[in-house]
Amino acid sequence: ADIEAARRALEAAGAREHALDVAAELTVRARERIAALPLDETVRAEFADACHAVLTRRS
């Protein structure tokens, strides 16, 4: 019950939206940095897929 109360309080305070904004910013930065590395396009695509998975996770 305490965990659910804490979750509701965080959601009411806008924590989810803030967390999504932070995740988006961090994945953009990571993709920019990875773009500067000499990597195969397959590796870049896998990294892009991982970033997408982070941003679309629903839990």
N, C-alpha and C. Protein backbone atom coordinates (compact mmCIF):
# COMPACT_ATOMS: atom_id res chain seq x y z
N ALA A 1 0.83 -1.20 0.00
CA ALA A 1 0.00 0.00 0.00
C ALA A 1 0.87 1.26 0.00
N ASP A 2 1.96 1.24 0.75
CA ASP A 2 2.84 2.41 0.79
C ASP A 2 3.47 2.68 -0.57
N ILE A 3 3.82 1.63 -1.28
CA ILE A 3 4.42 1.79 -2.61
C ILE A 3 3.40 2.40 -3.56
N GLU A 4 2.17 1.93 -3.51
CA GLU A 4 1.13 2.49 -4.38
C GLU A 4 0.87 3.95 -4.05
N ALA A 5 0.88 4.30 -2.78
CA ALA A 5 0.68 5.70 -2.39
C ALA A 5 1.82 6.57 -2.90
N ALA A 6 3.03 6.06 -2.81
CA ALA A 6 4.19 6.80 -3.31
C ALA A 6 4.10 6.94 -4.83
N ARG A 7 3.68 5.88 -5.52
CA ARG A 7 3.54 5.94 -6.97
C ARG A 7 2.50 6.99 -7.37
N ARG A 8 1.36 7.00 -6.67
CA ARG A 8 0.32 7.98 -6.98
C ARG A 8 0.81 9.41 -6.73
N ALA A 9 1.56 9.60 -5.65
CA ALA A 9 2.08 10.93 -5.35
C ALA A 9 3.08 11.39 -6.41
N LEU A 10 3.94 10.48 -6.84
CA LEU A 10 4.90 10.83 -7.89
C LEU A 10 4.21 11.14 -9.21
N GLU A 11 3.21 10.34 -9.56
CA GLU A 11 2.46 10.60 -10.79
C GLU A 11 1.74 11.93 -10.72
N ALA A 12 1.15 12.24 -9.57
CA ALA A 12 0.44 13.51 -9.40
C ALA A 12 1.40 14.70 -9.51
N ALA A 13 2.64 14.49 -9.12
CA ALA A 13 3.64 15.56 -9.17
C ALA A 13 4.28 15.71 -10.55
N GLY A 14 3.89 14.85 -11.50
CA GLY A 14 4.43 14.94 -12.85
C GLY A 14 5.75 14.22 -13.06
N ALA A 15 6.07 13.30 -12.17
CA ALA A 15 7.36 12.60 -12.26
C ALA A 15 7.48 11.79 -13.55
N ARG A 16 6.40 11.20 -14.00
CA ARG A 16 6.47 10.38 -15.22
C ARG A 16 6.88 11.22 -16.42
N GLU A 17 6.26 12.36 -16.58
CA GLU A 17 6.59 13.23 -17.71
C GLU A 17 8.03 13.70 -17.63
N HIS A 18 8.47 14.04 -16.42
CA HIS A 18 9.86 14.47 -16.25
C HIS A 18 10.81 13.33 -16.59
N ALA A 19 10.50 12.13 -16.15
CA ALA A 19 11.35 10.97 -16.45
C ALA A 19 11.42 10.72 -17.95
N LEU A 20 10.29 10.86 -18.64
CA LEU A 20 10.28 10.67 -20.09
C LEU A 20 11.12 11.74 -20.79
N ASP A 21 11.05 12.97 -20.32
CA ASP A 21 11.87 14.04 -20.89
C ASP A 21 13.36 13.75 -20.69
N VAL A 22 13.72 13.30 -19.50
CA VAL A 22 15.12 12.98 -19.21
C VAL A 22 15.58 11.82 -20.09
N ALA A 23 14.77 10.78 -20.21
CA ALA A 23 15.12 9.64 -21.06
C ALA A 23 15.32 10.07 -22.51
N ALA A 24 14.44 10.91 -23.00
CA ALA A 24 14.56 11.39 -24.38
C ALA A 24 15.85 12.17 -24.57
N GLU A 25 16.15 13.05 -23.64
CA GLU A 25 17.37 13.85 -23.74
C GLU A 25 18.62 12.97 -23.70
N LEU A 26 18.63 12.01 -22.80
CA LEU A 26 19.79 11.13 -22.68
C LEU A 26 19.99 10.25 -23.90
N THR A 27 18.90 9.77 -24.48
CA THR A 27 19.05 8.93 -25.67
C THR A 27 19.50 9.76 -26.87
N VAL A 28 19.05 11.01 -26.96
CA VAL A 28 19.53 11.88 -28.04
C VAL A 28 21.02 12.11 -27.89
N ARG A 29 21.46 12.41 -26.69
CA ARG A 29 22.90 12.61 -26.45
C ARG A 29 23.70 11.36 -26.79
N ALA A 30 23.19 10.22 -26.36
CA ALA A 30 23.89 8.96 -26.63
C ALA A 30 23.99 8.71 -28.13
N ARG A 31 22.91 8.95 -28.85
CA ARG A 31 22.93 8.74 -30.30
C ARG A 31 23.90 9.70 -30.99
N GLU A 32 23.98 10.92 -30.50
CA GLU A 32 24.93 11.88 -31.07
C GLU A 32 26.37 11.41 -30.85
N ARG A 33 26.64 10.90 -29.66
CA ARG A 33 27.99 10.43 -29.35
C ARG A 33 28.34 9.17 -30.14
N ILE A 34 27.38 8.27 -30.26
CA ILE A 34 27.64 7.04 -31.00
C ILE A 34 27.86 7.34 -32.48
N ALA A 35 27.22 8.39 -32.99
CA ALA A 35 27.38 8.76 -34.39
C ALA A 35 28.82 9.16 -34.71
N ALA A 36 29.55 9.64 -33.71
CA ALA A 36 30.93 10.06 -33.91
C ALA A 36 31.91 8.89 -33.91
N LEU A 37 31.45 7.71 -33.55
CA LEU A 37 32.33 6.54 -33.50
C LEU A 37 32.34 5.80 -34.83
N PRO A 38 33.46 5.18 -35.15
CA PRO A 38 33.55 4.42 -36.41
C PRO A 38 32.90 3.04 -36.27
N LEU A 39 31.58 3.01 -36.34
CA LEU A 39 30.85 1.75 -36.17
C LEU A 39 30.14 1.36 -37.45
N ASP A 40 29.92 0.08 -37.58
CA ASP A 40 29.16 -0.47 -38.70
C ASP A 40 27.71 0.02 -38.62
N GLU A 41 27.08 0.18 -39.76
CA GLU A 41 25.69 0.65 -39.79
C GLU A 41 24.75 -0.31 -39.05
N THR A 42 25.06 -1.59 -39.06
CA THR A 42 24.24 -2.57 -38.34
C THR A 42 24.26 -2.28 -36.85
N VAL A 43 25.43 -1.96 -36.33
CA VAL A 43 25.56 -1.63 -34.91
C VAL A 43 24.80 -0.34 -34.60
N ARG A 44 24.92 0.64 -35.47
CA ARG A 44 24.18 1.90 -35.27
C ARG A 44 22.67 1.65 -35.25
N ALA A 45 22.21 0.79 -36.14
CA ALA A 45 20.77 0.48 -36.20
C ALA A 45 20.32 -0.23 -34.93
N GLU A 46 21.14 -1.14 -34.42
CA GLU A 46 20.79 -1.83 -33.18
C GLU A 46 20.72 -0.84 -32.02
N PHE A 47 21.65 0.10 -32.00
CA PHE A 47 21.64 1.11 -30.95
C PHE A 47 20.39 1.98 -31.06
N ALA A 48 20.02 2.37 -32.28
CA ALA A 48 18.81 3.16 -32.48
C ALA A 48 17.58 2.39 -32.01
N ASP A 49 17.54 1.10 -32.28
CA ASP A 49 16.43 0.27 -31.81
C ASP A 49 16.38 0.23 -30.28
N ALA A 50 17.55 0.15 -29.64
CA ALA A 50 17.59 0.14 -28.18
C ALA A 50 17.09 1.47 -27.62
N CYS A 51 17.47 2.57 -28.24
CA CYS A 51 16.99 3.89 -27.80
C CYS A 51 15.47 3.97 -27.94
N HIS A 52 14.96 3.47 -29.04
CA HIS A 52 13.51 3.47 -29.25
C HIS A 52 12.82 2.64 -28.17
N ALA A 53 13.39 1.51 -27.83
CA ALA A 53 12.81 0.64 -26.80
C ALA A 53 12.78 1.35 -25.45
N VAL A 54 13.83 2.09 -25.14
CA VAL A 54 13.87 2.84 -23.87
C VAL A 54 12.75 3.87 -23.84
N LEU A 55 12.56 4.57 -24.94
CA LEU A 55 11.58 5.65 -24.97
C LEU A 55 10.14 5.17 -25.06
N THR A 56 9.92 3.95 -25.48
CA THR A 56 8.55 3.46 -25.63
C THR A 56 8.17 2.42 -24.58
N ARG A 57 9.02 2.21 -23.60
CA ARG A 57 8.72 1.25 -22.52
C ARG A 57 7.50 1.74 -21.75
N ARG A 58 6.63 0.85 -21.41
CA ARG A 58 5.37 1.24 -20.78
C ARG A 58 5.23 0.76 -19.33
N SER A 59 6.29 0.89 -18.54
CA SER A 59 6.14 0.51 -17.13
C SER A 59 6.76 1.54 -16.23
